Amino acid sequence: MADKPDNNAYWSANIRLVTICLVIWALASYGFAILLRPLISGIAVGGTDLGFWFAQQGSILVFLCLIFFYAWRMNKIDKEHGVDE
């Protein structure tokens, strides 16, 4: 069982990773799809503008990529701190 400093380091790494993933997800879904849409509307992707693409598909694809990234990175963090399965 991990002692107190290792436990704090593990949870610190976990919370830092969750925070980074949430910021990326918020930027993709709320930032690019809503707030920054007028700025990126001139860029064409698949026959439509980039802002519309982020609102319809991009934020979902970014979210799916974040799920796989989180799982991959947490496996590495688990191994580094000795709590892997």
PDB file of N, CA and C in Angstrom:
ATOM      1  N   MET A   1       0.842  -1.176   0.000  1.00  0.00           N
ATOM      2  CA  MET A   1       0.000   0.000   0.000  1.00  0.00           C
ATOM      3  C   MET A   1       0.889   1.243   0.000  1.00  0.00           C
ATOM      4  N   ALA A   2       0.477   2.224  -0.743  1.00  0.00           N
ATOM      5  CA  ALA A   2       1.276   3.446  -0.871  1.00  0.00           C
ATOM      6  C   ALA A   2       1.181   4.289   0.395  1.00  0.00           C
ATOM      7  N   ASP A   3       2.301   4.923   0.745  1.00  0.00           N
ATOM      8  CA  ASP A   3       2.264   5.802   1.908  1.00  0.00           C
ATOM      9  C   ASP A   3       1.678   7.157   1.523  1.00  0.00           C
ATOM     10  N   LYS A   4       1.558   8.046   2.479  1.00  0.00           N
ATOM     11  CA  LYS A   4       0.853   9.323   2.284  1.00  0.00           C
ATOM     12  C   LYS A   4       1.429  10.196   1.164  1.00  0.00           C
ATOM     13  N   PRO A   5       2.760  10.430   1.081  1.00  0.00           N
ATOM     14  CA  PRO A   5       3.277  11.280  -0.003  1.00  0.00           C
ATOM     15  C   PRO A   5       3.011  10.705  -1.389  1.00  0.00           C
ATOM     16  N   ASP A   6       3.149   9.379  -1.553  1.00  0.00           N
ATOM     17  CA  ASP A   6       2.879   8.770  -2.855  1.00  0.00           C
ATOM     18  C   ASP A   6       1.400   8.864  -3.213  1.00  0.00           C
ATOM     19  N   ASN A   7       0.551   8.706  -2.201  1.00  0.00           N
ATOM     20  CA  ASN A   7      -0.882   8.821  -2.422  1.00  0.00           C
ATOM     21  C   ASN A   7      -1.236  10.235  -2.876  1.00  0.00           C
ATOM     22  N   ASN A   8      -0.642  11.236  -2.254  1.00  0.00           N
ATOM     23  CA  ASN A   8      -0.892  12.617  -2.653  1.00  0.00           C
ATOM     24  C   ASN A   8      -0.371  12.888  -4.059  1.00  0.00           C
ATOM     25  N   ALA A   9       0.774  12.336  -4.404  1.00  0.00           N
ATOM     26  CA  ALA A   9       1.331  12.526  -5.744  1.00  0.00           C
ATOM     27  C   ALA A   9       0.437  11.865  -6.793  1.00  0.00           C
ATOM     28  N   TYR A  10      -0.082  10.689  -6.467  1.00  0.00           N
ATOM     29  CA  TYR A  10      -0.970   9.986  -7.399  1.00  0.00           C
ATOM     30  C   TYR A  10      -2.227  10.807  -7.667  1.00  0.00           C
ATOM     31  N   TRP A  11      -2.862  11.278  -6.600  1.00  0.00           N
ATOM     32  CA  TRP A  11      -4.098  12.033  -6.782  1.00  0.00           C
ATOM     33  C   TRP A  11      -3.839  13.396  -7.396  1.00  0.00           C
ATOM     34  N   SER A  12      -2.695  13.963  -7.137  1.00  0.00           N
ATOM     35  CA  SER A  12      -2.336  15.227  -7.777  1.00  0.00           C
ATOM     36  C   SER A  12      -2.207  15.045  -9.287  1.00  0.00           C
ATOM     37  N   ALA A  13      -1.551  13.966  -9.706  1.00  0.00           N
ATOM     38  CA  ALA A  13      -1.412  13.676 -11.134  1.00  0.00           C
ATOM     39  C   ALA A  13      -2.774  13.386 -11.764  1.00  0.00           C
ATOM     40  N   ASN A  14      -3.618  12.664 -11.034  1.00  0.00           N
ATOM     41  CA  ASN A  14      -4.959  12.334 -11.530  1.00  0.00           C
ATOM     42  C   ASN A  14      -5.803  13.592 -11.718  1.00  0.00           C
ATOM     43  N   ILE A  15      -5.829  14.451 -10.719  1.00  0.00           N
ATOM     44  CA  ILE A  15      -6.636  15.677 -10.800  1.00  0.00           C
ATOM     45  C   ILE A  15      -6.091  16.618 -11.872  1.00  0.00           C
ATOM     46  N   ARG A  16      -4.775  16.680 -12.018  1.00  0.00           N
ATOM     47  CA  ARG A  16      -4.176  17.513 -13.063  1.00  0.00           C
ATOM     48  C   ARG A  16      -4.606  17.012 -14.454  1.00  0.00           C
ATOM     49  N   LEU A  17      -4.604  15.697 -14.650  1.00  0.00           N
ATOM     50  CA  LEU A  17      -5.021  15.123 -15.928  1.00  0.00           C
ATOM     51  C   LEU A  17      -6.499  15.392 -16.200  1.00  0.00           C
ATOM     52  N   VAL A  18      -7.340  15.226 -15.197  1.00  0.00           N
ATOM     53  CA  VAL A  18      -8.775  15.495 -15.354  1.00  0.00           C
ATOM     54  C   VAL A  18      -9.001  16.966 -15.706  1.00  0.00           C
ATOM     55  N   THR A  19      -8.289  17.862 -15.048  1.00  0.00           N
ATOM     56  CA  THR A  19      -8.433  19.291 -15.317  1.00  0.00           C
ATOM     57  C   THR A  19      -8.025  19.627 -16.746  1.00  0.00           C
ATOM     58  N   ILE A  20      -6.919  19.074 -17.203  1.00  0.00           N
ATOM     59  CA  ILE A  20      -6.469  19.321 -18.573  1.00  0.00           C
ATOM     60  C   ILE A  20      -7.496  18.815 -19.583  1.00  0.00           C
ATOM     61  N   CYS A  21      -8.020  17.615 -19.350  1.00  0.00           N
ATOM     62  CA  CYS A  21      -9.019  17.052 -20.261  1.00  0.00           C
ATOM     63  C   CYS A  21     -10.294  17.898 -20.273  1.00  0.00           C
ATOM     64  N   LEU A  22     -10.728  18.368 -19.127  1.00  0.00           N
ATOM     65  CA  LEU A  22     -11.935  19.189 -19.074  1.00  0.00           C
ATOM     66  C   LEU A  22     -11.744  20.537 -19.761  1.00  0.00           C
ATOM     67  N   VAL A  23     -10.565  21.121 -19.634  1.00  0.00           N
ATOM     68  CA  VAL A  23     -10.298  22.399 -20.306  1.00  0.00           C
ATOM     69  C   VAL A  23     -10.304  22.201 -21.826  1.00  0.00           C
ATOM     70  N   ILE A  24      -9.680  21.130 -22.303  1.00  0.00           N
ATOM     71  CA  ILE A  24      -9.678  20.859 -23.744  1.00  0.00           C
ATOM     72  C   ILE A  24     -11.099  20.620 -24.239  1.00  0.00           C
ATOM     73  N   TRP A  25     -11.879  19.855 -23.490  1.00  0.00           N
ATOM     74  CA  TRP A  25     -13.252  19.559 -23.886  1.00  0.00           C
ATOM     75  C   TRP A  25     -14.099  20.838 -23.894  1.00  0.00           C
ATOM     76  N   ALA A  26     -13.951  21.686 -22.895  1.00  0.00           N
ATOM     77  CA  ALA A  26     -14.714  22.931 -22.854  1.00  0.00           C
ATOM     78  C   ALA A  26     -14.305  23.855 -23.994  1.00  0.00           C
ATOM     79  N   LEU A  27     -13.031  23.910 -24.287  1.00  0.00           N
ATOM     80  CA  LEU A  27     -12.563  24.746 -25.383  1.00  0.00           C
ATOM     81  C   LEU A  27     -13.122  24.263 -26.717  1.00  0.00           C
ATOM     82  N   ALA A  28     -13.132  22.953 -26.922  1.00  0.00           N
ATOM     83  CA  ALA A  28     -13.639  22.403 -28.186  1.00  0.00           C
ATOM     84  C   ALA A  28     -15.151  22.546 -28.298  1.00  0.00           C
ATOM     85  N   SER A  29     -15.888  22.224 -27.231  1.00  0.00           N
ATOM     86  CA  SER A  29     -17.349  22.214 -27.335  1.00  0.00           C
ATOM     87  C   SER A  29     -17.969  23.593 -27.152  1.00  0.00           C
ATOM     88  N   TYR A  30     -17.486  24.358 -26.200  1.00  0.00           N
ATOM     89  CA  TYR A  30     -18.083  25.661 -25.929  1.00  0.00           C
ATOM     90  C   TYR A  30     -17.328  26.779 -26.646  1.00  0.00           C
ATOM     91  N   GLY A  31     -16.014  26.699 -26.615  1.00  0.00           N
ATOM     92  CA  GLY A  31     -15.204  27.758 -27.213  1.00  0.00           C
ATOM     93  C   GLY A  31     -15.304  27.812 -28.721  1.00  0.00           C
ATOM     94  N   PHE A  32     -14.893  26.726 -29.387  1.00  0.00           N
ATOM     95  CA  PHE A  32     -14.877  26.723 -30.850  1.00  0.00           C
ATOM     96  C   PHE A  32     -16.277  26.681 -31.453  1.00  0.00           C
ATOM     97  N   ALA A  33     -17.192  25.961 -30.824  1.00  0.00           N
ATOM     98  CA  ALA A  33     -18.529  25.809 -31.407  1.00  0.00           C
ATOM     99  C   ALA A  33     -19.422  27.023 -31.176  1.00  0.00           C
ATOM    100  N   ILE A  34     -19.204  27.784 -30.117  1.00  0.00           N
ATOM    101  CA  ILE A  34     -20.102  28.886 -29.805  1.00  0.00           C
ATOM    102  C   ILE A  34     -19.379  30.229 -29.795  1.00  0.00           C
ATOM    103  N   LEU A  35     -18.398  30.371 -28.920  1.00  0.00           N
ATOM    104  CA  LEU A  35     -17.758  31.678 -28.731  1.00  0.00           C
ATOM    105  C   LEU A  35     -16.871  32.095 -29.900  1.00  0.00           C
ATOM    106  N   LEU A  36     -16.078  31.176 -30.408  1.00  0.00           N
ATOM    107  CA  LEU A  36     -15.136  31.507 -31.475  1.00  0.00           C
ATOM    108  C   LEU A  36     -15.678  31.212 -32.878  1.00  0.00           C
ATOM    109  N   ARG A  37     -16.940  30.850 -32.982  1.00  0.00           N
ATOM    110  CA  ARG A  37     -17.505  30.493 -34.287  1.00  0.00           C
ATOM    111  C   ARG A  37     -17.388  31.615 -35.318  1.00  0.00           C
ATOM    112  N   PRO A  38     -17.653  32.864 -34.989  1.00  0.00           N
ATOM    113  CA  PRO A  38     -17.500  33.902 -36.011  1.00  0.00           C
ATOM    114  C   PRO A  38     -16.065  34.039 -36.529  1.00  0.00           C
ATOM    115  N   LEU A  39     -15.090  33.763 -35.672  1.00  0.00           N
ATOM    116  CA  LEU A  39     -13.693  33.871 -36.093  1.00  0.00           C
ATOM    117  C   LEU A  39     -13.252  32.733 -37.014  1.00  0.00           C
ATOM    118  N   ILE A  40     -13.810  31.544 -36.823  1.00  0.00           N
ATOM    119  CA  ILE A  40     -13.377  30.395 -37.622  1.00  0.00           C
ATOM    120  C   ILE A  40     -14.392  30.013 -38.695  1.00  0.00           C
ATOM    121  N   SER A  41     -15.386  30.847 -38.942  1.00  0.00           N
ATOM    122  CA  SER A  41     -16.424  30.495 -39.909  1.00  0.00           C
ATOM    123  C   SER A  41     -15.920  30.526 -41.352  1.00  0.00           C
ATOM    124  N   GLY A  42     -14.818  31.209 -41.615  1.00  0.00           N
ATOM    125  CA  GLY A  42     -14.298  31.274 -42.976  1.00  0.00           C
ATOM    126  C   GLY A  42     -13.506  30.045 -43.402  1.00  0.00           C
ATOM    127  N   ILE A  43     -13.181  29.163 -42.460  1.00  0.00           N
ATOM    128  CA  ILE A  43     -12.402  27.957 -42.768  1.00  0.00           C
ATOM    129  C   ILE A  43     -13.375  26.840 -43.144  1.00  0.00           C
ATOM    130  N   ALA A  44     -13.217  26.319 -44.349  1.00  0.00           N
ATOM    131  CA  ALA A  44     -14.132  25.279 -44.840  1.00  0.00           C
ATOM    132  C   ALA A  44     -13.617  23.890 -44.472  1.00  0.00           C
ATOM    133  N   VAL A  45     -14.517  23.056 -43.938  1.00  0.00           N
ATOM    134  CA  VAL A  45     -14.220  21.660 -43.623  1.00  0.00           C
ATOM    135  C   VAL A  45     -15.392  20.820 -44.100  1.00  0.00           C
ATOM    136  N   GLY A  46     -15.158  19.963 -45.057  1.00  0.00           N
ATOM    137  CA  GLY A  46     -16.208  19.071 -45.534  1.00  0.00           C
ATOM    138  C   GLY A  46     -17.406  19.786 -46.127  1.00  0.00           C
ATOM    139  N   GLY A  47     -17.214  20.922 -46.756  1.00  0.00           N
ATOM    140  CA  GLY A  47     -18.305  21.640 -47.391  1.00  0.00           C
ATOM    141  C   GLY A  47     -19.051  22.593 -46.467  1.00  0.00           C
ATOM    142  N   THR A  48     -18.621  22.734 -45.241  1.00  0.00           N
ATOM    143  CA  THR A  48     -19.251  23.661 -44.305  1.00  0.00           C
ATOM    144  C   THR A  48     -18.160  24.390 -43.519  1.00  0.00           C
ATOM    145  N   ASP A  49     -18.548  25.389 -42.739  1.00  0.00           N
ATOM    146  CA  ASP A  49     -17.522  26.135 -42.004  1.00  0.00           C
ATOM    147  C   ASP A  49     -17.089  25.370 -40.751  1.00  0.00           C
ATOM    148  N   LEU A  50     -15.901  25.708 -40.270  1.00  0.00           N
ATOM    149  CA  LEU A  50     -15.300  24.996 -39.144  1.00  0.00           C
ATOM    150  C   LEU A  50     -16.102  25.156 -37.855  1.00  0.00           C
ATOM    151  N   GLY A  51     -16.711  26.287 -37.618  1.00  0.00           N
ATOM    152  CA  GLY A  51     -17.528  26.488 -36.420  1.00  0.00           C
ATOM    153  C   GLY A  51     -18.724  25.553 -36.377  1.00  0.00           C
ATOM    154  N   PHE A  52     -19.399  25.398 -37.514  1.00  0.00           N
ATOM    155  CA  PHE A  52     -20.527  24.477 -37.589  1.00  0.00           C
ATOM    156  C   PHE A  52     -20.051  23.043 -37.399  1.00  0.00           C
ATOM    157  N   TRP A  53     -18.890  22.718 -37.989  1.00  0.00           N
ATOM    158  CA  TRP A  53     -18.341  21.370 -37.858  1.00  0.00           C
ATOM    159  C   TRP A  53     -18.057  21.049 -36.399  1.00  0.00           C
ATOM    160  N   PHE A  54     -17.452  21.990 -35.655  1.00  0.00           N
ATOM    161  CA  PHE A  54     -17.187  21.751 -34.239  1.00  0.00           C
ATOM    162  C   PHE A  54     -18.486  21.571 -33.468  1.00  0.00           C
ATOM    163  N   ALA A  55     -19.501  22.338 -33.783  1.00  0.00           N
ATOM    164  CA  ALA A  55     -20.771  22.230 -33.072  1.00  0.00           C
ATOM    165  C   ALA A  55     -21.454  20.894 -33.345  1.00  0.00           C
ATOM    166  N   GLN A  56     -21.333  20.384 -34.559  1.00  0.00           N
ATOM    167  CA  GLN A  56     -22.039  19.165 -34.929  1.00  0.00           C
ATOM    168  C   GLN A  56     -21.245  17.892 -34.695  1.00  0.00           C
ATOM    169  N   GLN A  57     -19.956  17.891 -35.034  1.00  0.00           N
ATOM    170  CA  GLN A  57     -19.179  16.659 -34.959  1.00  0.00           C
ATOM    171  C   GLN A  57     -17.882  16.808 -34.193  1.00  0.00           C
ATOM    172  N   GLY A  58     -17.245  17.936 -34.322  1.00  0.00           N
ATOM    173  CA  GLY A  58     -15.910  18.110 -33.773  1.00  0.00           C
ATOM    174  C   GLY A  58     -15.832  17.941 -32.274  1.00  0.00           C
ATOM    175  N   SER A  59     -16.778  18.517 -31.546  1.00  0.00           N
ATOM    176  CA  SER A  59     -16.730  18.404 -30.089  1.00  0.00           C
ATOM    177  C   SER A  59     -16.950  16.958 -29.640  1.00  0.00           C
ATOM    178  N   ILE A  60     -17.761  16.213 -30.368  1.00  0.00           N
ATOM    179  CA  ILE A  60     -17.977  14.806 -30.035  1.00  0.00           C
ATOM    180  C   ILE A  60     -16.716  13.994 -30.307  1.00  0.00           C
ATOM    181  N   LEU A  61     -16.060  14.256 -31.440  1.00  0.00           N
ATOM    182  CA  LEU A  61     -14.823  13.540 -31.753  1.00  0.00           C
ATOM    183  C   LEU A  61     -13.707  13.899 -30.780  1.00  0.00           C
ATOM    184  N   VAL A  62     -13.629  15.154 -30.395  1.00  0.00           N
ATOM    185  CA  VAL A  62     -12.631  15.560 -29.397  1.00  0.00           C
ATOM    186  C   VAL A  62     -12.909  14.849 -28.074  1.00  0.00           C
ATOM    187  N   PHE A  63     -14.169  14.753 -27.683  1.00  0.00           N
ATOM    188  CA  PHE A  63     -14.537  14.071 -26.445  1.00  0.00           C
ATOM    189  C   PHE A  63     -14.139  12.594 -26.499  1.00  0.00           C
ATOM    190  N   LEU A  64     -14.395  11.926 -27.620  1.00  0.00           N
ATOM    191  CA  LEU A  64     -14.014  10.520 -27.748  1.00  0.00           C
ATOM    192  C   LEU A  64     -12.496  10.345 -27.686  1.00  0.00           C
ATOM    193  N   CYS A  65     -11.768  11.227 -28.326  1.00  0.00           N
ATOM    194  CA  CYS A  65     -10.297  11.173 -28.259  1.00  0.00           C
ATOM    195  C   CYS A  65      -9.815  11.396 -26.828  1.00  0.00           C
ATOM    196  N   LEU A  66     -10.457  12.293 -26.105  1.00  0.00           N
ATOM    197  CA  LEU A  66     -10.080  12.540 -24.712  1.00  0.00           C
ATOM    198  C   LEU A  66     -10.336  11.325 -23.825  1.00  0.00           C
ATOM    199  N   ILE A  67     -11.379  10.580 -24.104  1.00  0.00           N
ATOM    200  CA  ILE A  67     -11.657   9.364 -23.328  1.00  0.00           C
ATOM    201  C   ILE A  67     -10.524   8.369 -23.489  1.00  0.00           C
ATOM    202  N   PHE A  68     -10.088   8.132 -24.736  1.00  0.00           N
ATOM    203  CA  PHE A  68      -9.002   7.183 -24.974  1.00  0.00           C
ATOM    204  C   PHE A  68      -7.675   7.707 -24.426  1.00  0.00           C
ATOM    205  N   PHE A  69      -7.429   9.016 -24.557  1.00  0.00           N
ATOM    206  CA  PHE A  69      -6.214   9.605 -24.003  1.00  0.00           C
ATOM    207  C   PHE A  69      -6.195   9.470 -22.486  1.00  0.00           C
ATOM    208  N   TYR A  70      -7.321   9.743 -21.837  1.00  0.00           N
ATOM    209  CA  TYR A  70      -7.400   9.646 -20.384  1.00  0.00           C
ATOM    210  C   TYR A  70      -7.124   8.219 -19.917  1.00  0.00           C
ATOM    211  N   ALA A  71      -7.727   7.235 -20.580  1.00  0.00           N
ATOM    212  CA  ALA A  71      -7.516   5.835 -20.202  1.00  0.00           C
ATOM    213  C   ALA A  71      -6.054   5.439 -20.383  1.00  0.00           C
ATOM    214  N   TRP A  72      -5.444   5.839 -21.500  1.00  0.00           N
ATOM    215  CA  TRP A  72      -4.043   5.518 -21.761  1.00  0.00           C
ATOM    216  C   TRP A  72      -3.128   6.173 -20.733  1.00  0.00           C
ATOM    217  N   ARG A  73      -3.365   7.459 -20.469  1.00  0.00           N
ATOM    218  CA  ARG A  73      -2.501   8.198 -19.543  1.00  0.00           C
ATOM    219  C   ARG A  73      -2.695   7.721 -18.104  1.00  0.00           C
ATOM    220  N   MET A  74      -3.919   7.387 -17.696  1.00  0.00           N
ATOM    221  CA  MET A  74      -4.145   6.887 -16.347  1.00  0.00           C
ATOM    222  C   MET A  74      -3.482   5.529 -16.140  1.00  0.00           C
ATOM    223  N   ASN A  75      -3.436   4.700 -17.175  1.00  0.00           N
ATOM    224  CA  ASN A  75      -2.714   3.436 -17.048  1.00  0.00           C
ATOM    225  C   ASN A  75      -1.238   3.686 -16.776  1.00  0.00           C
ATOM    226  N   LYS A  76      -0.654   4.685 -17.455  1.00  0.00           N
ATOM    227  CA  LYS A  76       0.747   5.026 -17.203  1.00  0.00           C
ATOM    228  C   LYS A  76       0.932   5.580 -15.797  1.00  0.00           C
ATOM    229  N   ILE A  77       0.029   6.447 -15.354  1.00  0.00           N
ATOM    230  CA  ILE A  77       0.122   7.016 -14.003  1.00  0.00           C
ATOM    231  C   ILE A  77      -0.041   5.918 -12.950  1.00  0.00           C
ATOM    232  N   ASP A  78      -0.971   4.980 -13.176  1.00  0.00           N
ATOM    233  CA  ASP A  78      -1.150   3.860 -12.255  1.00  0.00           C
ATOM    234  C   ASP A  78       0.138   3.053 -12.132  1.00  0.00           C
ATOM    235  N   LYS A  79       0.793   2.763 -13.246  1.00  0.00           N
ATOM    236  CA  LYS A  79       2.030   1.989 -13.214  1.00  0.00           C
ATOM    237  C   LYS A  79       3.148   2.761 -12.513  1.00  0.00           C
ATOM    238  N   GLU A  80       3.225   4.067 -12.748  1.00  0.00           N
ATOM    239  CA  GLU A  80       4.256   4.882 -12.112  1.00  0.00           C
ATOM    240  C   GLU A  80       4.118   4.901 -10.594  1.00  0.00           C
ATOM    241  N   HIS A  81       2.887   4.817 -10.095  1.00  0.00           N
ATOM    242  CA  HIS A  81       2.654   4.910  -8.664  1.00  0.00           C
ATOM    243  C   HIS A  81       2.365   3.547  -8.032  1.00  0.00           C
ATOM    244  N   GLY A  82       2.473   2.482  -8.812  1.00  0.00           N
ATOM    245  CA  GLY A  82       2.328   1.140  -8.269  1.00  0.00           C
ATOM    246  C   GLY A  82       0.920   0.749  -7.890  1.00  0.00           C
ATOM    247  N   VAL A  83      -0.077   1.297  -8.550  1.00  0.00           N
ATOM    248  CA  VAL A  83      -1.465   0.915  -8.249  1.00  0.00           C
ATOM    249  C   VAL A  83      -2.154   0.302  -9.467  1.00  0.00           C
ATOM    250  N   ASP A  84      -1.343  -0.193 -10.418  1.00  0.00           N
ATOM    251  CA  ASP A  84      -1.934  -0.821 -11.603  1.00  0.00           C
ATOM    252  C   ASP A  84      -2.441  -2.221 -11.265  1.00  0.00           C
ATOM    253  N   GLU A  85      -3.235  -2.744 -12.153  1.00  0.00           N
ATOM    254  CA  GLU A  85      -3.843  -4.063 -11.906  1.00  0.00           C
ATOM    255  C   GLU A  85      -2.924  -5.174 -12.325  1.00  0.00           C
TER     256      GLU A  85
END
